[in-house]
Amino acid sequence: MDLKTTYMGIELKNPIIVGASNLVTNVKMAQKLEEAGAAAIVYKSLFEEQIHLESAELEEDLSEYEHRHAEMITLFPQVEHSGPKLHLMGLKEVVDAVSIPVFASLNCVYDVSWVEYAQYLEQTGVAGIELNFYHTISENQKSSSDIEKEQLNVFKKVKEALKIPVSIKLSPYYANTLNVIRNFDEAGTDGFVLFNRFFQPDIDIETEELKMPYNLSSKNDNRLSLRYVGLVSGTVKGSLCASNGIHDSEDLITVLLAGTDVVQVVSTVYKNGVSEITTMLEDLNVWMKNKGYTKLSDFKGKLSKENLTEPFAYKRAQYVDYLMKSKDIIKKYMV
């Protein structure tokens, strides 16, 4: 079967991309992912906070005893070793080690940093950059519209500064996610990754302390991205990438039917190993053959909102199933 697809204007041999994680920071692992059939890789995100923290820690270690006297000059280190150099070196090694496209991922705090670090990342030879718009709301003084305007402004500045395509990885936690997607699409976004998966804090009730457990997705977590892909497919110029909860070929096929161009996988590789990528592609081939499809475009978006006559399928999310199947539910629970 012909599994080729296009993402951010770049032709890929199939729709499976390995998403940003520690998996791809090792050259040998990146090569194994390529051998297993991955069509592209998103390198681990470059976080501005991490750069500042590591730089401060390094400077503190190097100059810890330089000014320990009665008339100390300052309590704070002079950060001379700041910058994403180590990250860029690792990214460049992966870019050079594989033949498939490698995308960078970036999350910053300050407007000027987005552009500066994006330009650094572009110099490594990456095929494109994914702006990871991870915004933790910890204050109530800023309105949702202000946050959306800031992110849109950041995208425009980065897009203007780079020659390579730029996608955005969004969270679903906007007042109107579809409106946000439309605004970014009109601004020229090359791709949309739907959606970001956040590390959420937990509490250890024995120690009464906060903890940060690994937050791998489960199979049913793909429902939200499936719904929004189905709503957006055919209405935007930018490519679509379904992310979060894509664990096997069934998940892959469902989001392709909804209209995605590609998917990003991470958790399933952690849980099931690199070979799961090969299995997903083999199963996709078998399914397409059994259905009489010869290429992805034969069925991609077949069940998107644009191509469905059922008006409720992607709308009344809370109780449409009850409206459509109320008699079955009554028989099951009320008899």
Protein backbone atom coordinates (compact mmCIF):
# COMPACT_ATOMS: atom_id res chain seq x y z
CA MET A 1 0.00 0.00 0.00
CA ASP A 2 1.07 3.60 -0.61
CA LEU A 3 1.35 5.11 2.89
CA LYS A 4 2.94 8.39 1.86
CA THR A 5 1.54 11.59 3.32
CA THR A 6 2.49 15.26 3.52
CA TYR A 7 3.10 17.15 6.75
CA MET A 8 4.07 20.84 6.92
CA GLY A 9 4.75 20.66 3.18
CA ILE A 10 7.20 17.77 3.64
CA GLU A 11 6.52 14.35 2.11
CA LEU A 12 6.77 11.49 4.61
CA LYS A 13 6.90 7.78 3.81
CA ASN A 14 4.05 7.05 6.23
CA PRO A 15 1.95 8.91 8.84
CA ILE A 16 3.82 7.84 12.03
CA ILE A 17 6.03 10.43 13.73
CA VAL A 18 7.77 9.79 17.03
CA GLY A 19 6.89 12.72 19.28
CA ALA A 20 9.16 14.79 21.51
CA SER A 21 10.54 12.81 24.46
CA ASN A 22 13.73 11.44 25.97
CA LEU A 23 13.43 8.53 23.52
CA VAL A 24 14.92 10.55 20.70
CA THR A 25 17.86 12.13 22.50
CA ASN A 26 19.97 9.01 21.93
CA VAL A 27 21.40 8.57 18.44
CA LYS A 28 21.20 4.78 18.50
CA MET A 29 17.58 4.89 19.62
CA ALA A 30 16.75 7.39 16.88
CA GLN A 31 18.26 5.01 14.34
CA LYS A 32 16.23 2.11 15.77
CA LEU A 33 13.06 4.18 15.47
CA GLU A 34 13.88 4.86 11.83
CA GLU A 35 14.56 1.17 11.18
CA ALA A 36 11.22 0.29 12.80
CA GLY A 37 9.48 2.47 10.23
CA ALA A 38 9.05 5.89 11.85
CA ALA A 39 8.60 8.50 9.13
CA ALA A 40 9.97 11.40 11.20
CA ILE A 41 11.14 12.35 14.67
CA VAL A 42 10.43 15.33 16.92
CA TYR A 43 13.46 15.94 19.10
CA LYS A 44 12.97 16.55 22.81
CA SER A 45 11.61 20.05 23.55
CA LEU A 46 14.01 22.85 24.36
CA PHE A 47 12.61 24.57 27.46
CA GLU A 48 13.91 28.02 28.30
CA GLU A 49 13.45 27.48 32.04
CA GLN A 50 15.68 24.41 31.88
CA ILE A 51 18.42 26.38 30.15
CA HIS A 52 18.37 29.08 32.83
CA LEU A 53 18.28 26.56 35.66
CA GLU A 54 21.16 24.46 34.31
CA SER A 55 23.21 27.56 33.56
CA ALA A 56 22.69 28.95 37.04
CA GLU A 57 23.59 25.64 38.64
CA LEU A 58 26.75 25.36 36.54
CA GLU A 59 27.84 28.88 37.31
CA GLU A 60 27.18 28.36 41.00
CA ASP A 61 29.31 25.22 40.99
CA LEU A 62 32.15 26.97 39.16
CA SER A 63 32.19 30.11 41.30
CA GLU A 64 30.89 28.87 44.62
CA TYR A 65 33.89 29.99 46.67
CA GLU A 66 35.10 32.99 44.65
CA HIS A 67 33.42 35.68 46.74
CA ARG A 68 33.05 34.04 50.13
CA HIS A 69 34.39 36.87 52.29
CA ALA A 70 33.12 39.57 54.62
CA GLU A 71 32.47 42.01 51.80
CA MET A 72 30.84 39.68 49.28
CA ILE A 73 30.12 41.28 45.93
CA THR A 74 26.87 39.40 45.32
CA LEU A 75 24.89 36.39 46.41
CA PHE A 76 23.89 35.58 42.85
CA PRO A 77 25.99 33.90 40.15
CA GLN A 78 26.87 35.66 36.93
CA VAL A 79 25.42 33.39 34.27
CA GLU A 80 28.02 33.26 31.51
CA HIS A 81 27.36 29.70 30.39
CA SER A 82 23.73 30.20 29.43
CA GLY A 83 22.45 29.04 26.10
CA PRO A 84 21.10 25.90 24.45
CA LYS A 85 24.48 24.63 23.24
CA LEU A 86 24.25 21.13 24.73
CA HIS A 87 20.72 20.69 23.41
CA LEU A 88 21.74 21.89 19.95
CA MET A 89 24.70 19.51 19.85
CA GLY A 90 22.46 16.54 20.66
CA LEU A 91 19.87 17.63 18.11
CA LYS A 92 22.52 18.04 15.38
CA GLU A 93 23.84 14.54 16.09
CA VAL A 94 20.37 13.03 15.58
CA VAL A 95 19.77 15.09 12.42
CA ASP A 96 23.04 13.78 10.96
CA ALA A 97 22.47 10.19 12.10
CA VAL A 98 19.11 9.49 10.43
CA SER A 99 17.75 9.94 6.91
CA ILE A 100 14.18 10.76 7.97
CA PRO A 101 13.11 14.35 8.77
CA VAL A 102 13.83 15.56 12.29
CA PHE A 103 11.74 18.36 13.76
CA ALA A 104 12.72 20.57 16.69
CA SER A 105 10.39 21.48 19.55
CA LEU A 106 10.58 24.75 21.47
CA ASN A 107 8.96 26.23 24.56
CA CYS A 108 10.03 29.66 25.83
CA VAL A 109 9.03 32.27 28.37
CA TYR A 110 10.04 35.57 26.78
CA ASP A 111 9.11 36.83 23.30
CA VAL A 112 12.70 37.53 22.30
CA SER A 113 13.76 34.04 23.38
CA TRP A 114 11.28 32.34 21.04
CA VAL A 115 12.88 33.95 18.00
CA GLU A 116 16.47 33.64 19.20
CA TYR A 117 16.27 29.95 20.13
CA ALA A 118 14.21 29.11 17.03
CA GLN A 119 17.01 30.53 14.89
CA TYR A 120 19.55 28.41 16.80
CA LEU A 121 17.43 25.32 16.17
CA GLU A 122 17.08 26.10 12.47
CA GLN A 123 20.86 26.13 12.10
CA THR A 124 21.06 22.43 13.07
CA GLY A 125 19.40 21.41 9.80
CA VAL A 126 16.02 20.39 11.19
CA ALA A 127 13.15 20.02 8.72
CA GLY A 128 10.84 22.25 10.75
CA ILE A 129 10.08 23.59 14.22
CA GLU A 130 7.18 22.80 16.52
CA LEU A 131 6.26 25.64 18.88
CA ASN A 132 5.15 23.99 22.09
CA PHE A 133 2.62 26.47 23.45
CA TYR A 134 2.53 25.08 26.97
CA HIS A 135 1.12 27.82 29.20
CA THR A 136 0.41 27.03 32.83
CA ILE A 137 -2.20 29.40 34.19
CA SER A 138 -1.05 30.40 37.66
CA GLU A 139 -2.43 33.91 37.83
CA ASN A 140 -5.85 35.43 37.26
CA GLN A 141 -4.82 38.88 36.09
CA LYS A 142 -4.34 37.85 32.46
CA SER A 143 -7.36 37.20 30.26
CA SER A 144 -7.65 34.27 27.88
CA SER A 145 -7.75 36.64 24.90
CA ASP A 146 -4.48 38.25 26.06
CA ILE A 147 -2.79 34.86 26.21
CA GLU A 148 -4.05 33.94 22.75
CA LYS A 149 -2.86 37.25 21.31
CA GLU A 150 0.59 36.78 22.87
CA GLN A 151 0.92 33.29 21.41
CA LEU A 152 -0.23 34.43 17.99
CA ASN A 153 2.25 37.29 18.09
CA VAL A 154 5.06 34.89 19.04
CA PHE A 155 4.19 32.63 16.13
CA LYS A 156 4.20 35.51 13.65
CA LYS A 157 7.63 36.68 14.83
CA VAL A 158 9.12 33.17 14.66
CA LYS A 159 7.55 32.45 11.27
CA GLU A 160 8.94 35.67 9.85
CA ALA A 161 12.43 34.94 11.20
CA LEU A 162 12.74 31.38 9.83
CA LYS A 163 12.94 29.81 6.39
CA ILE A 164 11.71 26.37 7.50
CA PRO A 165 8.08 25.42 8.24
CA VAL A 166 6.62 26.11 11.70
CA SER A 167 3.88 24.13 13.43
CA ILE A 168 2.19 24.73 16.76
CA LYS A 169 1.42 22.20 19.47
CA LEU A 170 -1.70 23.34 21.30
CA SER A 171 -3.46 22.40 24.49
CA PRO A 172 -7.23 21.84 24.38
CA TYR A 173 -7.75 24.29 27.23
CA TYR A 174 -8.86 27.36 25.32
CA ALA A 175 -12.27 28.96 25.63
CA ASN A 176 -12.75 28.29 21.91
CA THR A 177 -10.06 25.99 20.56
CA LEU A 178 -11.51 26.03 17.04
CA ASN A 179 -11.27 29.82 16.92
CA VAL A 180 -7.65 29.68 18.07
CA ILE A 181 -6.86 27.15 15.33
CA ARG A 182 -8.57 29.34 12.73
CA ASN A 183 -6.57 32.42 13.80
CA PHE A 184 -3.27 30.54 13.63
CA ASP A 185 -4.21 29.06 10.27
CA GLU A 186 -4.95 32.51 8.86
CA ALA A 187 -1.54 33.63 10.17
CA GLY A 188 0.15 30.92 8.10
CA THR A 189 0.76 28.03 10.49
CA ASP A 190 2.19 25.06 8.60
CA GLY A 191 0.81 22.42 10.97
CA PHE A 192 -1.27 21.79 14.09
CA VAL A 193 -0.40 19.17 16.72
CA LEU A 194 -3.56 18.26 18.65
CA PHE A 195 -2.91 18.07 21.57
CA ASN A 196 -0.20 18.66 24.14
CA ARG A 197 0.02 16.24 27.05
CA PHE A 198 0.95 17.87 30.35
CA PHE A 199 2.74 16.52 33.36
CA GLN A 200 0.29 17.01 36.19
CA PRO A 201 1.29 17.14 39.88
CA ASP A 202 0.11 14.54 42.37
CA ILE A 203 0.30 14.36 46.17
CA ASP A 204 1.90 11.63 48.23
CA ILE A 205 -0.48 11.29 51.17
CA GLU A 206 2.16 9.53 53.33
CA THR A 207 4.88 12.17 53.01
CA GLU A 208 2.37 14.97 52.38
CA GLU A 209 4.53 16.24 49.54
CA LEU A 210 3.96 17.04 45.91
CA LYS A 211 5.28 14.54 43.39
CA MET A 212 5.52 14.50 39.60
CA PRO A 213 4.74 11.00 38.32
CA TYR A 214 5.27 9.95 34.71
CA ASN A 215 2.11 10.68 32.81
CA LEU A 216 1.97 8.18 29.96
CA SER A 217 -1.20 8.17 27.93
CA SER A 218 -3.69 5.32 27.71
CA LYS A 219 -5.49 3.99 24.67
CA ASN A 220 -8.72 5.97 25.04
CA ASP A 221 -6.90 9.29 25.42
CA ASN A 222 -7.03 9.76 21.66
CA ARG A 223 -10.74 10.63 21.72
CA LEU A 224 -10.22 14.36 22.24
CA SER A 225 -7.71 14.75 19.43
CA LEU A 226 -9.92 12.57 17.20
CA ARG A 227 -12.89 14.87 17.82
CA TYR A 228 -11.01 18.06 17.03
CA VAL A 229 -9.26 16.57 14.02
CA GLY A 230 -12.70 15.56 12.75
CA LEU A 231 -14.00 19.08 13.31
CA VAL A 232 -11.03 20.83 11.69
CA SER A 233 -10.19 18.51 8.79
CA GLY A 234 -10.89 20.13 5.46
CA THR A 235 -11.30 23.62 6.93
CA VAL A 236 -7.64 24.67 7.43
CA LYS A 237 -4.64 25.02 5.14
CA GLY A 238 -2.16 23.76 7.74
CA SER A 239 -1.44 20.05 8.19
CA LEU A 240 -3.02 18.10 11.05
CA CYS A 241 -1.21 15.87 13.50
CA ALA A 242 -3.16 13.82 16.05
CA SER A 243 -1.26 13.36 19.28
CA ASN A 244 -2.01 11.81 22.67
CA GLY A 245 -3.30 8.25 23.08
CA ILE A 246 -2.27 6.79 19.70
CA HIS A 247 -1.28 3.31 20.89
CA ASP A 248 -1.98 0.84 18.09
CA SER A 249 -3.16 0.50 14.49
CA GLU A 250 -6.79 0.89 15.49
CA ASP A 251 -6.06 4.30 17.03
CA LEU A 252 -4.02 5.23 13.96
CA ILE A 253 -6.77 4.28 11.52
CA THR A 254 -9.51 6.06 13.47
CA VAL A 255 -7.73 9.42 13.44
CA LEU A 256 -6.85 8.98 9.76
CA LEU A 257 -10.53 8.44 9.04
CA ALA A 258 -11.24 11.60 11.03
CA GLY A 259 -8.84 13.49 8.77
CA THR A 260 -5.39 13.70 10.32
CA ASP A 261 -2.33 13.79 8.06
CA VAL A 262 0.03 12.22 10.59
CA VAL A 263 0.15 11.06 14.20
CA GLN A 264 2.71 11.43 16.97
CA VAL A 265 3.44 8.43 19.18
CA VAL A 266 5.42 8.31 22.42
CA SER A 267 3.72 6.36 25.23
CA THR A 268 3.13 3.25 23.14
CA VAL A 269 6.85 3.06 22.35
CA TYR A 270 7.68 3.31 26.05
CA LYS A 271 5.09 0.66 26.90
CA ASN A 272 5.41 -1.74 23.97
CA GLY A 273 8.83 -1.10 22.51
CA VAL A 274 10.11 0.21 19.19
CA SER A 275 8.61 -2.75 17.33
CA GLU A 276 5.10 -1.36 17.93
CA ILE A 277 5.73 1.13 15.12
CA THR A 278 6.40 -1.75 12.72
CA THR A 279 3.29 -3.57 13.93
CA MET A 280 1.11 -0.49 13.46
CA LEU A 281 2.30 -0.05 9.87
CA GLU A 282 1.86 -3.73 9.05
CA ASP A 283 -1.66 -3.72 10.48
CA LEU A 284 -2.49 -0.54 8.55
CA ASN A 285 -1.38 -2.24 5.32
CA VAL A 286 -3.55 -5.28 6.04
CA TRP A 287 -6.59 -3.13 6.89
CA MET A 288 -6.21 -1.07 3.71
CA LYS A 289 -5.87 -4.19 1.59
CA ASN A 290 -8.99 -5.73 3.13
CA LYS A 291 -10.92 -2.50 2.54
CA GLY A 292 -9.71 -2.10 -1.03
CA TYR A 293 -7.74 1.09 -0.36
CA THR A 294 -4.41 1.58 -2.15
CA LYS A 295 -3.35 4.94 -0.66
CA LEU A 296 -4.11 7.05 2.42
CA SER A 297 -6.04 9.64 0.46
CA ASP A 298 -8.61 6.96 -0.43
CA PHE A 299 -10.01 7.12 3.11
CA LYS A 300 -8.32 9.99 4.97
CA GLY A 301 -11.00 12.33 6.29
CA LYS A 302 -13.82 10.03 5.19
CA LEU A 303 -15.45 10.49 8.61
CA SER A 304 -14.59 14.14 9.19
CA LYS A 305 -17.35 16.63 9.89
CA GLU A 306 -16.94 18.01 6.37
CA ASN A 307 -17.80 14.62 4.87
CA LEU A 308 -20.54 13.47 7.24
CA THR A 309 -24.26 14.03 6.94
CA GLU A 310 -24.90 13.21 10.63
CA PRO A 311 -25.18 16.66 12.28
CA PHE A 312 -24.60 15.51 15.86
CA ALA A 313 -21.49 13.36 15.45
CA TYR A 314 -18.93 16.01 16.46
CA LYS A 315 -21.20 18.41 18.34
CA ARG A 316 -23.22 17.66 21.47
CA ALA A 317 -20.35 15.84 23.10
CA GLN A 318 -21.90 15.30 26.52
CA TYR A 319 -25.10 13.51 25.72
CA VAL A 320 -25.43 12.98 21.97
CA ASP A 321 -24.80 9.27 22.50
CA TYR A 322 -27.79 9.15 24.85
CA LEU A 323 -29.92 10.96 22.28
CA MET A 324 -28.94 8.53 19.55
CA LYS A 325 -29.07 5.35 21.63
CA SER A 326 -31.56 6.11 24.39
CA LYS A 327 -33.71 3.05 23.71
CA ASP A 328 -30.72 0.72 24.00
CA ILE A 329 -29.69 2.33 27.29
CA ILE A 330 -33.21 2.00 28.71
CA LYS A 331 -33.31 -1.68 27.80
CA LYS A 332 -29.90 -2.31 29.37
CA TYR A 333 -30.29 -0.45 32.66
CA MET A 334 -34.01 -0.03 33.31
CA VAL A 335 -35.38 -3.50 32.63
